[in-house]
Amino acid sequence: LDYYLGPSVAGMPGQSQANVPIIRMFGVTDSGNSVCCHVHGFAPYFYVPAPNGFKPDYLGEFKRELNSVVLKDMRSNK
């Protein structure tokens, strides 16, 4: 599994952007042939379960903190 940024494909649903994430999936068929699939139109995401007692009022601060931590990590891993 890998990804890269590439041009968006005309006719794909969603907003038109110059560069979009394209995921590469690698595998092997039943007959032993190697396969690489380029998946367009997928936006990477992850799921964070809310802890007990989490209220909608906390969403703004949680989002700001999460974005800050992710951005800091991305900058340090160049």
C-alpha atoms as a PDB file:
ATOM      1  CA  LEU A   1       0.000   0.000   0.000  1.00  0.00           C
ATOM      2  CA  ASP A   2       1.374   3.368  -1.031  1.00  0.00           C
ATOM      3  CA  TYR A   3       0.061   6.718  -2.235  1.00  0.00           C
ATOM      4  CA  TYR A   4       1.086   9.703  -4.313  1.00  0.00           C
ATOM      5  CA  LEU A   5      -0.465  12.982  -5.443  1.00  0.00           C
ATOM      6  CA  GLY A   6      -1.590  13.205  -9.039  1.00  0.00           C
ATOM      7  CA  PRO A   7      -4.013  15.080 -11.287  1.00  0.00           C
ATOM      8  CA  SER A   8      -7.716  14.577 -10.659  1.00  0.00           C
ATOM      9  CA  VAL A   9      -9.681  12.536 -13.183  1.00  0.00           C
ATOM     10  CA  ALA A  10     -12.405  14.379 -15.107  1.00  0.00           C
ATOM     11  CA  GLY A  11     -15.885  13.209 -14.201  1.00  0.00           C
ATOM     12  CA  MET A  12     -15.015  11.987 -10.702  1.00  0.00           C
ATOM     13  CA  PRO A  13     -17.470  13.060  -7.988  1.00  0.00           C
ATOM     14  CA  GLY A  14     -16.448  15.695  -5.460  1.00  0.00           C
ATOM     15  CA  GLN A  15     -14.608  18.963  -5.766  1.00  0.00           C
ATOM     16  CA  SER A  16     -12.210  19.374  -8.652  1.00  0.00           C
ATOM     17  CA  GLN A  17      -8.674  19.881  -7.357  1.00  0.00           C
ATOM     18  CA  ALA A  18      -5.334  20.181  -9.111  1.00  0.00           C
ATOM     19  CA  ASN A  19      -3.734  17.275  -7.238  1.00  0.00           C
ATOM     20  CA  VAL A  20      -5.518  14.509  -5.352  1.00  0.00           C
ATOM     21  CA  PRO A  21      -4.310  11.484  -3.379  1.00  0.00           C
ATOM     22  CA  ILE A  22      -4.027   8.306  -5.468  1.00  0.00           C
ATOM     23  CA  ILE A  23      -3.556   5.083  -3.532  1.00  0.00           C
ATOM     24  CA  ARG A  24      -1.499   2.235  -4.985  1.00  0.00           C
ATOM     25  CA  MET A  25      -2.474  -1.240  -3.845  1.00  0.00           C
ATOM     26  CA  PHE A  26      -0.210  -4.183  -4.622  1.00  0.00           C
ATOM     27  CA  GLY A  27      -1.120  -7.852  -4.716  1.00  0.00           C
ATOM     28  CA  VAL A  28      -0.817 -11.195  -6.453  1.00  0.00           C
ATOM     29  CA  THR A  29      -3.517 -13.041  -8.418  1.00  0.00           C
ATOM     30  CA  ASP A  30      -4.404 -16.699  -7.831  1.00  0.00           C
ATOM     31  CA  SER A  31      -2.234 -17.565 -10.840  1.00  0.00           C
ATOM     32  CA  GLY A  32       0.791 -15.717  -9.399  1.00  0.00           C
ATOM     33  CA  ASN A  33       0.713 -12.530 -11.475  1.00  0.00           C
ATOM     34  CA  SER A  34       1.723  -9.306  -9.719  1.00  0.00           C
ATOM     35  CA  VAL A  35      -0.926  -6.583  -9.696  1.00  0.00           C
ATOM     36  CA  CYS A  36      -0.819  -2.843  -8.960  1.00  0.00           C
ATOM     37  CA  CYS A  37      -4.122  -0.979  -8.654  1.00  0.00           C
ATOM     38  CA  HIS A  38      -4.238   2.843  -8.668  1.00  0.00           C
ATOM     39  CA  VAL A  39      -7.295   3.944  -6.650  1.00  0.00           C
ATOM     40  CA  HIS A  40      -8.542   7.422  -7.593  1.00  0.00           C
ATOM     41  CA  GLY A  41     -11.152   9.387  -5.673  1.00  0.00           C
ATOM     42  CA  PHE A  42     -10.321   8.127  -2.189  1.00  0.00           C
ATOM     43  CA  ALA A  43      -9.675  10.676   0.541  1.00  0.00           C
ATOM     44  CA  PRO A  44      -7.468   9.238   3.298  1.00  0.00           C
ATOM     45  CA  TYR A  45      -9.007   9.400   6.747  1.00  0.00           C
ATOM     46  CA  PHE A  46      -8.807   7.773  10.122  1.00  0.00           C
ATOM     47  CA  TYR A  47     -11.295   7.178  12.917  1.00  0.00           C
ATOM     48  CA  VAL A  48     -10.902   8.469  16.461  1.00  0.00           C
ATOM     49  CA  PRO A  49     -13.458   7.119  18.940  1.00  0.00           C
ATOM     50  CA  ALA A  50     -14.794   9.773  21.301  1.00  0.00           C
ATOM     51  CA  PRO A  51     -13.984   9.125  24.958  1.00  0.00           C
ATOM     52  CA  ASN A  52     -16.764   8.800  27.535  1.00  0.00           C
ATOM     53  CA  GLY A  53     -18.164  12.197  28.425  1.00  0.00           C
ATOM     54  CA  PHE A  54     -17.070  13.863  25.168  1.00  0.00           C
ATOM     55  CA  LYS A  55     -19.528  16.620  24.240  1.00  0.00           C
ATOM     56  CA  PRO A  56     -20.159  18.441  20.939  1.00  0.00           C
ATOM     57  CA  ASP A  57     -18.846  21.615  22.604  1.00  0.00           C
ATOM     58  CA  TYR A  58     -15.373  20.006  22.651  1.00  0.00           C
ATOM     59  CA  LEU A  59     -15.216  19.439  18.868  1.00  0.00           C
ATOM     60  CA  GLY A  60     -13.683  22.796  17.902  1.00  0.00           C
ATOM     61  CA  GLU A  61     -10.785  22.552  20.353  1.00  0.00           C
ATOM     62  CA  PHE A  62     -10.263  18.863  19.567  1.00  0.00           C
ATOM     63  CA  LYS A  63     -10.102  19.604  15.822  1.00  0.00           C
ATOM     64  CA  ARG A  64      -7.622  22.467  16.307  1.00  0.00           C
ATOM     65  CA  GLU A  65      -5.374  20.347  18.533  1.00  0.00           C
ATOM     66  CA  LEU A  66      -5.511  17.331  16.214  1.00  0.00           C
ATOM     67  CA  ASN A  67      -4.703  19.456  13.139  1.00  0.00           C
ATOM     68  CA  SER A  68      -1.815  21.086  15.012  1.00  0.00           C
ATOM     69  CA  VAL A  69      -0.293  17.744  16.039  1.00  0.00           C
ATOM     70  CA  VAL A  70      -0.678  16.210  12.563  1.00  0.00           C
ATOM     71  CA  LEU A  71       0.834  19.280  10.861  1.00  0.00           C
ATOM     72  CA  LYS A  72       3.768  19.291  13.299  1.00  0.00           C
ATOM     73  CA  ASP A  73       4.394  15.592  12.637  1.00  0.00           C
ATOM     74  CA  MET A  74       4.201  16.059   8.851  1.00  0.00           C
ATOM     75  CA  ARG A  75       6.730  18.898   8.968  1.00  0.00           C
ATOM     76  CA  SER A  76       9.178  16.884  11.072  1.00  0.00           C
ATOM     77  CA  ASN A  77       9.012  13.823   8.769  1.00  0.00           C
ATOM     78  CA  LYS A  78       9.997  15.460   5.473  1.00  0.00           C
END
